[in-house]
Structure formats: C-alpha cells, structure tokens
N, C-alpha and C. Protein backbone atom coordinates (compact mmCIF):
# COMPACT_ATOMS: atom_id res chain seq x y z
N UNK A 1 -4.10 38.97 -8.42
CA UNK A 1 -5.04 39.92 -8.60
C UNK A 1 -6.42 39.39 -8.74
N UNK A 2 -7.37 40.23 -8.59
CA UNK A 2 -9.11 40.00 -8.76
C UNK A 2 -9.05 39.29 -10.24
N UNK A 3 -8.52 39.99 -11.13
CA UNK A 3 -8.91 39.73 -12.59
C UNK A 3 -8.42 38.23 -12.97
N UNK A 4 -7.12 38.11 -12.52
CA UNK A 4 -6.87 36.48 -12.59
C UNK A 4 -7.69 35.55 -12.14
N UNK A 5 -8.00 35.88 -10.57
CA UNK A 5 -8.84 35.15 -9.88
C UNK A 5 -10.25 34.72 -10.67
N UNK A 6 -10.74 35.68 -11.27
CA UNK A 6 -11.94 35.58 -12.07
C UNK A 6 -11.83 34.83 -12.82
N UNK A 7 -10.77 34.69 -13.93
CA UNK A 7 -10.26 33.98 -15.19
C UNK A 7 -10.31 32.45 -14.98
N UNK A 8 -9.70 32.12 -13.68
CA UNK A 8 -9.48 30.85 -13.14
C UNK A 8 -11.06 30.46 -12.79
N UNK A 9 -11.64 31.39 -12.03
CA UNK A 9 -12.93 30.78 -11.70
C UNK A 9 -13.95 30.45 -12.91
N UNK A 10 -14.08 31.70 -13.80
CA UNK A 10 -14.93 31.36 -15.05
C UNK A 10 -14.46 29.99 -15.82
N UNK A 11 -13.15 29.79 -16.05
CA UNK A 11 -12.49 29.00 -16.60
C UNK A 11 -12.79 27.30 -16.38
N UNK A 12 -12.95 27.16 -15.27
CA UNK A 12 -12.72 25.83 -14.46
C UNK A 12 -13.70 24.84 -15.29
N UNK A 13 -15.12 25.30 -15.39
CA UNK A 13 -15.94 24.30 -15.86
C UNK A 13 -16.38 24.58 -17.45
N UNK A 14 -15.66 25.59 -18.00
CA UNK A 14 -16.30 25.92 -19.16
C UNK A 14 -15.29 24.82 -20.25
N UNK A 15 -16.54 24.62 -21.44
CA UNK A 15 -15.59 23.63 -22.62
C UNK A 15 -14.83 24.28 -23.16
N UNK A 16 -14.67 25.50 -24.05
CA UNK A 16 -13.88 25.96 -24.59
C UNK A 16 -13.40 27.43 -24.06
N UNK A 17 -12.27 27.72 -23.88
CA UNK A 17 -11.90 29.10 -23.00
C UNK A 17 -10.89 29.82 -24.01
N UNK A 18 -11.10 31.02 -24.13
CA UNK A 18 -9.94 31.91 -24.91
C UNK A 18 -9.80 33.10 -23.89
N UNK A 19 -8.71 33.45 -23.16
CA UNK A 19 -8.24 34.51 -22.66
C UNK A 19 -7.67 35.67 -23.60
N UNK A 20 -8.32 36.49 -23.48
CA UNK A 20 -7.65 37.66 -24.18
C UNK A 20 -7.05 38.77 -23.11
N UNK A 21 -5.98 38.72 -23.01
CA UNK A 21 -5.27 39.53 -22.30
C UNK A 21 -4.27 40.15 -22.80
N UNK A 22 -4.19 41.54 -22.20
CA UNK A 22 -2.61 42.53 -22.38
C UNK A 22 -1.42 41.75 -22.06
N UNK A 23 -0.29 42.57 -22.77
CA UNK A 23 0.85 41.90 -22.51
C UNK A 23 1.36 42.10 -20.85
N UNK A 24 2.08 41.13 -20.10
CA UNK A 24 2.30 41.60 -19.28
C UNK A 24 1.27 41.10 -17.94
N UNK A 25 0.23 40.52 -18.49
CA UNK A 25 -1.05 40.33 -17.66
C UNK A 25 -0.55 39.10 -16.72
N UNK A 26 0.26 38.01 -17.37
CA UNK A 26 0.23 36.68 -16.31
C UNK A 26 -0.49 35.52 -16.86
N UNK A 27 -0.22 35.79 -18.31
CA UNK A 27 -1.15 34.60 -18.88
C UNK A 27 -0.53 33.20 -18.71
N UNK A 28 0.83 33.26 -18.93
CA UNK A 28 1.75 32.00 -18.81
C UNK A 28 1.61 31.56 -17.53
N UNK A 29 1.72 32.49 -16.46
CA UNK A 29 1.82 31.96 -15.05
C UNK A 29 -0.17 31.42 -14.85
N UNK A 30 -0.86 32.18 -15.16
CA UNK A 30 -2.18 31.76 -15.16
C UNK A 30 -2.34 30.21 -15.76
N UNK A 31 -2.03 29.98 -16.84
CA UNK A 31 -1.97 28.78 -17.69
C UNK A 31 -1.21 27.77 -16.77
N UNK A 32 -0.31 28.04 -16.35
CA UNK A 32 0.35 27.19 -15.19
C UNK A 32 -0.10 26.70 -14.20
N UNK A 33 -0.68 27.68 -13.31
CA UNK A 33 -1.55 27.42 -12.42
C UNK A 33 -2.69 26.19 -12.77
N UNK A 34 -3.59 27.00 -13.81
CA UNK A 34 -4.66 26.09 -14.17
C UNK A 34 -4.58 24.62 -14.60
N UNK A 35 -3.09 24.45 -15.64
CA UNK A 35 -3.03 22.94 -15.90
C UNK A 35 -2.41 22.52 -14.82
N UNK A 36 -1.69 22.72 -13.63
CA UNK A 36 -1.32 22.08 -12.49
C UNK A 36 -2.58 21.68 -11.83
N UNK A 37 -3.42 22.77 -11.43
CA UNK A 37 -4.70 22.06 -10.86
C UNK A 37 -5.39 21.26 -11.53
N UNK A 38 -5.60 21.43 -12.84
CA UNK A 38 -6.53 20.32 -13.51
C UNK A 38 -5.62 18.77 -13.46
N UNK A 39 -4.48 19.19 -13.53
CA UNK A 39 -3.68 17.84 -13.70
C UNK A 39 -3.58 17.01 -12.21
N UNK A 40 -3.62 17.72 -10.95
CA UNK A 40 -3.77 17.41 -9.76
C UNK A 40 -4.84 16.61 -9.36
N UNK A 41 -6.25 17.58 -9.69
CA UNK A 41 -7.47 17.24 -9.24
C UNK A 41 -8.30 16.05 -10.00
N UNK A 42 -7.94 16.03 -11.35
CA UNK A 42 -8.68 15.12 -12.27
C UNK A 42 -7.43 14.09 -12.46
N UNK A 43 -8.18 12.87 -12.56
CA UNK A 43 -7.48 11.64 -12.72
C UNK A 43 -7.31 11.65 -14.44
N UNK A 44 -6.18 11.17 -14.91
CA UNK A 44 -5.70 10.51 -16.14
C UNK A 44 -6.01 11.86 -17.44
N UNK A 45 -5.71 12.80 -17.08
CA UNK A 45 -5.49 14.07 -17.93
C UNK A 45 -4.39 14.21 -18.61
N UNK A 46 -4.55 14.38 -19.78
CA UNK A 46 -3.47 14.31 -20.97
C UNK A 46 -3.62 15.81 -21.50
N UNK A 47 -2.57 16.88 -20.78
CA UNK A 47 -2.48 18.27 -20.82
C UNK A 47 -1.32 18.47 -21.70
N UNK A 48 -1.70 19.46 -22.62
CA UNK A 48 -0.18 19.74 -23.72
C UNK A 48 -0.34 21.10 -23.83
N UNK A 49 0.87 21.40 -23.92
CA UNK A 49 1.29 22.96 -23.88
C UNK A 49 1.73 22.96 -25.32
N UNK A 50 1.13 23.75 -26.43
CA UNK A 50 1.60 23.79 -27.45
C UNK A 50 1.87 25.34 -27.96
N UNK A 51 3.08 25.12 -28.79
CA UNK A 51 3.30 26.44 -29.16
C UNK A 51 4.23 26.18 -30.80
N UNK A 52 4.15 27.38 -31.44
CA UNK A 52 4.93 27.07 -32.54
C UNK A 52 6.45 26.75 -32.76
N UNK A 53 6.85 27.73 -31.40
CA UNK A 53 8.35 27.80 -30.98
C UNK A 53 8.61 26.80 -29.71
N UNK A 54 9.24 25.77 -29.67
CA UNK A 54 9.28 25.04 -28.73
C UNK A 54 9.98 25.61 -27.36
N UNK A 55 10.63 26.58 -27.31
CA UNK A 55 11.07 27.19 -26.11
C UNK A 55 9.88 28.07 -25.48
N UNK A 56 9.06 28.41 -26.05
CA UNK A 56 8.12 28.98 -25.68
C UNK A 56 7.02 28.11 -24.62
N UNK A 57 6.64 26.97 -25.22
CA UNK A 57 6.00 25.94 -24.43
C UNK A 57 6.89 25.48 -23.25
N UNK A 58 8.22 25.38 -23.41
CA UNK A 58 9.22 25.05 -22.35
C UNK A 58 9.20 25.88 -21.33
N UNK A 59 8.98 27.28 -21.52
CA UNK A 59 8.82 28.29 -20.51
C UNK A 59 7.78 28.00 -19.79
N UNK A 60 6.63 27.91 -20.29
CA UNK A 60 5.69 27.70 -19.48
C UNK A 60 5.49 26.46 -18.39
N UNK A 61 6.13 25.20 -19.40
CA UNK A 61 6.14 24.07 -18.32
C UNK A 61 7.15 24.62 -16.91
N UNK A 62 8.19 25.38 -17.22
CA UNK A 62 9.02 25.62 -16.17
C UNK A 62 8.45 26.59 -15.49
N UNK A 63 7.05 27.27 -15.47
CA UNK A 63 6.55 27.96 -14.60
C UNK A 63 6.01 26.74 -13.47
N UNK A 64 5.18 26.08 -14.23
CA UNK A 64 4.67 25.11 -13.25
C UNK A 64 5.91 24.11 -12.41
N UNK A 65 6.64 23.72 -13.18
CA UNK A 65 8.22 23.36 -12.40
C UNK A 65 8.44 24.39 -10.90
N UNK A 66 8.36 25.77 -11.49
CA UNK A 66 8.96 26.58 -10.53
C UNK A 66 7.91 26.63 -8.91
N UNK A 67 6.64 26.56 -9.48
CA UNK A 67 5.61 26.45 -8.72
C UNK A 67 5.67 25.40 -7.79
N UNK A 68 5.73 24.14 -8.55
CA UNK A 68 5.58 22.56 -7.58
C UNK A 68 6.58 22.94 -6.60
N UNK A 69 8.23 23.26 -7.36
CA UNK A 69 9.51 22.97 -6.45
C UNK A 69 9.45 24.07 -5.46
N UNK A 70 8.92 25.26 -5.87
CA UNK A 70 8.90 26.70 -5.04
C UNK A 70 10.28 27.28 -4.92
N UNK A 71 10.82 26.98 -6.44
CA UNK A 71 11.86 27.88 -6.77
C UNK A 71 11.70 29.10 -7.88
N UNK A 72 12.64 30.39 -7.77
CA UNK A 72 12.38 31.02 -8.78
C UNK A 72 11.42 32.24 -8.38
N UNK A 73 11.28 33.14 -9.66
CA UNK A 73 10.51 34.39 -9.56
C UNK A 73 8.96 34.07 -9.38
N UNK A 74 8.71 32.84 -10.19
CA UNK A 74 6.87 32.51 -10.10
C UNK A 74 7.18 32.24 -8.88
N UNK A 75 7.65 31.28 -8.23
CA UNK A 75 7.03 30.81 -6.91
C UNK A 75 7.12 31.92 -5.73
N UNK A 76 7.95 32.82 -5.84
CA UNK A 76 7.84 34.17 -4.91
C UNK A 76 7.01 34.93 -4.95
N UNK A 77 6.48 35.05 -6.08
CA UNK A 77 5.15 35.88 -6.48
C UNK A 77 3.99 35.40 -5.71
N UNK A 78 4.02 34.17 -5.12
CA UNK A 78 2.89 33.46 -4.30
C UNK A 78 2.87 33.46 -3.20
N UNK A 79 2.68 34.23 -2.25
CA UNK A 79 3.03 34.59 -0.75
C UNK A 79 2.54 33.16 0.02
N UNK A 80 1.29 32.81 -0.36
CA UNK A 80 0.55 31.58 0.52
C UNK A 80 0.98 30.40 -0.01
N UNK A 81 2.24 30.04 -1.04
CA UNK A 81 1.98 28.85 -1.63
C UNK A 81 2.98 27.68 -0.91
N UNK A 82 1.98 26.20 -0.76
CA UNK A 82 2.56 25.18 -0.12
C UNK A 82 3.03 24.23 -1.05
N UNK A 83 3.57 23.15 -0.39
CA UNK A 83 4.28 22.09 -1.29
C UNK A 83 3.56 20.90 -1.16
N UNK A 84 2.15 21.18 -1.62
CA UNK A 84 0.98 19.98 -1.83
C UNK A 84 1.43 19.37 -3.01
N UNK A 85 1.50 20.02 -4.22
CA UNK A 85 1.77 19.55 -5.32
C UNK A 85 2.96 18.72 -5.53
N UNK A 86 3.95 19.07 -4.52
CA UNK A 86 5.29 18.36 -5.14
C UNK A 86 4.99 16.59 -4.94
N UNK A 87 4.15 16.44 -3.76
CA UNK A 87 3.85 15.08 -3.32
C UNK A 87 3.03 14.31 -4.31
N UNK A 88 2.77 14.96 -5.14
CA UNK A 88 1.68 14.65 -6.38
C UNK A 88 2.26 14.11 -7.39
N UNK A 89 3.88 14.29 -7.41
CA UNK A 89 4.41 13.93 -8.50
C UNK A 89 5.39 12.83 -8.49
N UNK A 90 5.09 12.12 -9.82
CA UNK A 90 6.02 10.77 -9.68
C UNK A 90 7.35 10.96 -10.11
N UNK A 91 7.92 10.58 -8.92
CA UNK A 91 9.53 10.55 -9.15
C UNK A 91 10.38 9.28 -9.24
N UNK A 92 11.41 9.32 -9.67
CA UNK A 92 12.35 8.13 -9.53
C UNK A 92 13.72 8.46 -9.45
N UNK A 93 14.57 7.21 -9.03
CA UNK A 93 16.00 7.74 -8.97
C UNK A 93 16.79 8.57 -9.88
N UNK A 94 16.29 8.30 -11.27
CA UNK A 94 16.84 9.25 -12.22
C UNK A 94 16.45 10.39 -12.67
N UNK A 95 15.03 10.74 -11.78
CA UNK A 95 14.65 11.92 -12.17
C UNK A 95 14.05 12.19 -10.80
N UNK A 96 14.61 12.57 -9.99
CA UNK A 96 14.41 13.08 -8.48
C UNK A 96 13.22 14.09 -8.31
N UNK A 97 13.21 15.28 -9.26
CA UNK A 97 11.92 16.14 -9.21
C UNK A 97 10.63 15.58 -10.07
N UNK A 98 10.97 14.79 -10.86
CA UNK A 98 10.14 14.21 -11.69
C UNK A 98 9.51 14.91 -12.89
N UNK A 99 10.15 16.17 -13.03
CA UNK A 99 10.34 17.00 -14.34
C UNK A 99 11.36 16.43 -15.43
N UNK A 100 10.78 15.87 -16.45
CA UNK A 100 11.78 15.16 -17.54
C UNK A 100 11.70 16.55 -18.59
N UNK A 101 12.98 16.69 -18.79
CA UNK A 101 13.68 17.68 -19.66
C UNK A 101 13.99 17.25 -21.11
N UNK A 102 13.42 16.56 -21.72
CA UNK A 102 14.02 15.57 -22.73
C UNK A 102 14.01 16.43 -24.30
N UNK A 103 14.77 16.44 -25.07
CA UNK A 103 14.93 16.87 -26.38
C UNK A 103 13.64 17.06 -26.83
N UNK A 104 12.92 15.91 -26.98
CA UNK A 104 11.44 15.59 -28.07
C UNK A 104 10.63 16.46 -27.08
N UNK A 105 10.59 17.09 -25.76
CA UNK A 105 9.48 17.44 -25.37
C UNK A 105 9.66 17.35 -23.51
N UNK A 106 9.09 18.49 -23.03
CA UNK A 106 9.26 18.39 -21.49
C UNK A 106 7.81 17.96 -20.98
N UNK A 107 7.84 16.67 -19.61
CA UNK A 107 6.86 16.21 -19.14
C UNK A 107 6.76 16.23 -17.56
N UNK A 108 5.71 15.70 -17.00
CA UNK A 108 5.60 15.70 -15.89
C UNK A 108 4.43 14.96 -15.65
N UNK A 109 4.55 13.79 -14.50
CA UNK A 109 3.17 12.87 -14.19
C UNK A 109 2.96 12.85 -12.83
N UNK A 110 1.81 12.52 -12.74
CA UNK A 110 1.22 12.56 -11.35
C UNK A 110 0.81 11.32 -10.93
N UNK A 111 0.39 11.07 -9.84
CA UNK A 111 0.24 9.84 -9.27
C UNK A 111 -1.27 9.42 -9.53
N UNK A 112 -1.99 10.20 -9.98
CA UNK A 112 -3.44 9.77 -10.50
C UNK A 112 -3.48 9.65 -11.90
N UNK A 113 -2.42 9.52 -12.45
CA UNK A 113 -2.40 9.06 -14.20
C UNK A 113 -2.44 10.67 -15.35
N UNK A 114 -2.32 11.64 -14.69
CA UNK A 114 -2.48 12.90 -15.00
C UNK A 114 -0.97 12.98 -15.74
N UNK A 115 -0.64 13.73 -16.91
CA UNK A 115 0.32 14.04 -17.15
C UNK A 115 0.35 15.60 -17.95
N UNK A 116 1.32 16.33 -18.00
CA UNK A 116 1.41 17.67 -18.87
C UNK A 116 2.85 17.45 -19.51
N UNK A 117 2.63 17.59 -20.91
CA UNK A 117 3.79 17.63 -22.04
C UNK A 117 3.75 19.10 -22.51
N UNK A 118 4.63 19.20 -23.14
CA UNK A 118 5.06 20.24 -24.06
C UNK A 118 5.34 19.60 -25.51
N UNK A 119 4.64 20.18 -26.52
CA UNK A 119 4.77 19.65 -27.79
C UNK A 119 5.48 20.72 -28.45
N UNK A 120 6.86 20.39 -29.05
CA UNK A 120 7.46 21.18 -29.30
C UNK A 120 7.45 21.38 -30.97
N UNK A 121 7.64 22.51 -31.71
CA UNK A 121 8.20 22.68 -33.04
C UNK A 121 6.38 23.07 -33.64
N UNK A 122 6.25 22.65 -34.93
CA UNK A 122 4.64 23.24 -35.48
C UNK A 122 3.39 22.23 -35.11
N UNK A 123 2.83 23.19 -34.52
CA UNK A 123 1.44 22.29 -34.35
C UNK A 123 0.90 21.35 -35.24
N UNK A 124 0.81 21.72 -36.73
CA UNK A 124 0.55 20.62 -37.31
C UNK A 124 1.29 19.14 -37.39
N UNK A 125 2.56 19.20 -37.04
CA UNK A 125 3.19 18.13 -36.83
C UNK A 125 2.69 17.07 -35.62
N UNK A 126 1.90 17.58 -34.75
CA UNK A 126 1.53 16.78 -33.58
C UNK A 126 0.10 16.42 -33.63
N UNK A 127 -0.40 16.22 -34.86
CA UNK A 127 -1.81 15.52 -34.96
C UNK A 127 -2.49 14.35 -34.39
N UNK A 128 -1.64 13.38 -34.23
CA UNK A 128 -1.94 12.22 -33.75
C UNK A 128 -2.37 12.39 -31.98
N UNK A 129 -1.85 13.12 -31.55
CA UNK A 129 -2.05 13.32 -29.90
C UNK A 129 -3.29 13.64 -29.66
N UNK A 130 -3.86 13.27 -28.37
CA UNK A 130 -4.97 13.28 -27.79
C UNK A 130 -4.79 13.78 -26.32
N UNK A 131 -5.71 14.77 -26.21
CA UNK A 131 -5.52 15.51 -24.79
C UNK A 131 -6.81 16.01 -24.29
N UNK A 132 -7.05 16.17 -23.09
CA UNK A 132 -7.95 16.53 -22.67
C UNK A 132 -8.25 18.22 -22.33
N UNK A 133 -6.99 18.67 -22.50
CA UNK A 133 -6.83 19.91 -22.31
C UNK A 133 -5.50 20.64 -23.09
N UNK A 134 -5.53 21.42 -23.92
CA UNK A 134 -4.65 21.81 -24.67
C UNK A 134 -4.42 23.57 -24.60
N UNK A 135 -2.95 23.94 -23.98
CA UNK A 135 -2.98 25.50 -23.53
C UNK A 135 -1.86 26.03 -24.78
N UNK A 136 -2.63 26.91 -25.96
CA UNK A 136 -1.81 27.29 -26.84
C UNK A 136 -1.05 28.67 -26.30
C-alpha cells in the first residue's frame, strides 16, 4: 500500500520513529520489513523486538522468517518477493535456516555482523542490552 511505502521512506533516516496506525494496518509486517532491511544493509546492527508478552515479539520475528524463507501468509502477500535475504543469513549444520528459536528468545544473524533478537518478558528486565534499533 502507498501508506506503508510512505512510512518506510519517512522512517528510513529518522532518529526516532513512532507509527500511529489503526488495527490491521500491517504494523508487524512493516516492522519486519524495516528491521530486515536495516539488518541486511547496515553492518553490526543490534536490533531488538521488545514486547511485554514474549509471544508478540516472537510473532513479529516469525514474520521476518516467513519473508526470508518465502513461506506462509506473510510472504504470499508480496508478489515480487525475491530470495536475496536468505543468502545473507548465517546458517550452520545445527540450524539450516539460521533462525534460532531458543526459549530465552529468538534470533537471526547476518553475515555483516547484524543480529535481530526478541526480548521476551517484561522490558524492564532487559536493561543491560544495547541496540541500534528497538521495535516495540
């Protein structure tokens, strides 16, 4: 949608961003795309997805995974989706997709040193973390 495109463009170089969007606007999807692009295009980014309920942050992380692996409803909504991001993710024999689903939090690492993490539980309990981008 044009409004989503506009939000991404206006957010790209902004220092602080607040999106005020209605229900079912696609905030999680937009956030997933935004974090994925920042992680791929900039080196050594520490990106955190924070929610007071762990399942909400994991759900947003799962949207990133769906886009990268081109599976599920999220990827089906992008007609021109390519597999570029898949080759930027660090994989291992133990984790062939590169997406780690640990009980302490989900994470994915890119070859350029950037990482996207979920912080599960109360945000106040995660005070020592340092990030270049935090998505609430």
